Amino acid sequence: MPFEQSYSTDCSFGNSSTEILGGSSFVLSDPEIGSIVIPFSFSWTRHIGLV
């Protein structure tokens, strides 16, 4: 099933929020805990043109 682009004013990539990680600075003891995964349900354009 091909991806169909919507031309609405909404972001075509969607949006998401995380919990507050900590004040203005923080150190993660385990980098995996701070990972943010953004699942894309389509592939990126494979044609690249250079001018």
Protein backbone atom coordinates (compact mmCIF):
# COMPACT_ATOMS: atom_id res chain seq x y z
CA MET A 1 0.00 0.00 0.00
CA PRO A 2 1.67 3.28 -1.06
CA PHE A 3 1.88 6.20 1.31
CA GLU A 4 -0.48 9.05 0.43
CA GLN A 5 0.62 12.54 1.43
CA SER A 6 -1.95 14.75 3.11
CA TYR A 7 -1.65 18.46 2.40
CA SER A 8 -3.25 19.63 5.63
CA THR A 9 -1.59 22.06 8.02
CA ASP A 10 -0.76 19.22 10.43
CA CYS A 11 2.76 17.84 10.55
CA SER A 12 3.02 14.83 8.23
CA PHE A 13 5.44 13.15 10.67
CA GLY A 14 3.13 13.35 13.69
CA ASN A 15 4.23 14.45 17.14
CA SER A 16 5.18 12.96 20.48
CA SER A 17 6.35 14.12 23.90
CA THR A 18 8.51 12.58 26.59
CA GLU A 19 8.40 13.00 30.33
CA ILE A 20 10.61 15.71 31.81
CA LEU A 21 14.12 14.26 31.98
CA GLY A 22 15.51 16.61 34.60
CA GLY A 23 16.34 20.29 35.26
CA SER A 24 18.47 22.19 32.77
CA SER A 25 21.16 19.47 32.72
CA PHE A 26 21.34 15.78 33.55
CA VAL A 27 23.54 12.70 33.13
CA LEU A 28 22.09 9.36 32.07
CA SER A 29 23.61 6.38 33.86
CA ASP A 30 22.29 4.10 31.10
CA PRO A 31 22.06 5.65 27.59
CA GLU A 32 19.33 3.16 26.60
CA ILE A 33 16.99 4.77 29.17
CA GLY A 34 17.25 8.10 27.32
CA SER A 35 16.56 6.66 23.86
CA ILE A 36 13.63 8.08 21.93
CA VAL A 37 12.23 5.89 19.14
CA ILE A 38 10.27 7.51 16.33
CA PRO A 39 8.58 4.81 14.22
CA PHE A 40 8.11 5.83 10.58
CA SER A 41 5.43 3.97 8.63
CA PHE A 42 6.88 4.98 5.24
CA SER A 43 10.25 5.02 3.53
CA TRP A 44 12.24 8.13 2.68
CA THR A 45 12.50 9.30 -0.91
CA ARG A 46 15.23 7.37 -2.67
CA HIS A 47 15.76 9.74 -5.62
CA ILE A 48 18.33 12.44 -4.98
CA GLY A 49 18.98 15.08 -7.63
CA LEU A 50 21.99 17.39 -7.61
CA VAL A 51 21.97 20.63 -9.56
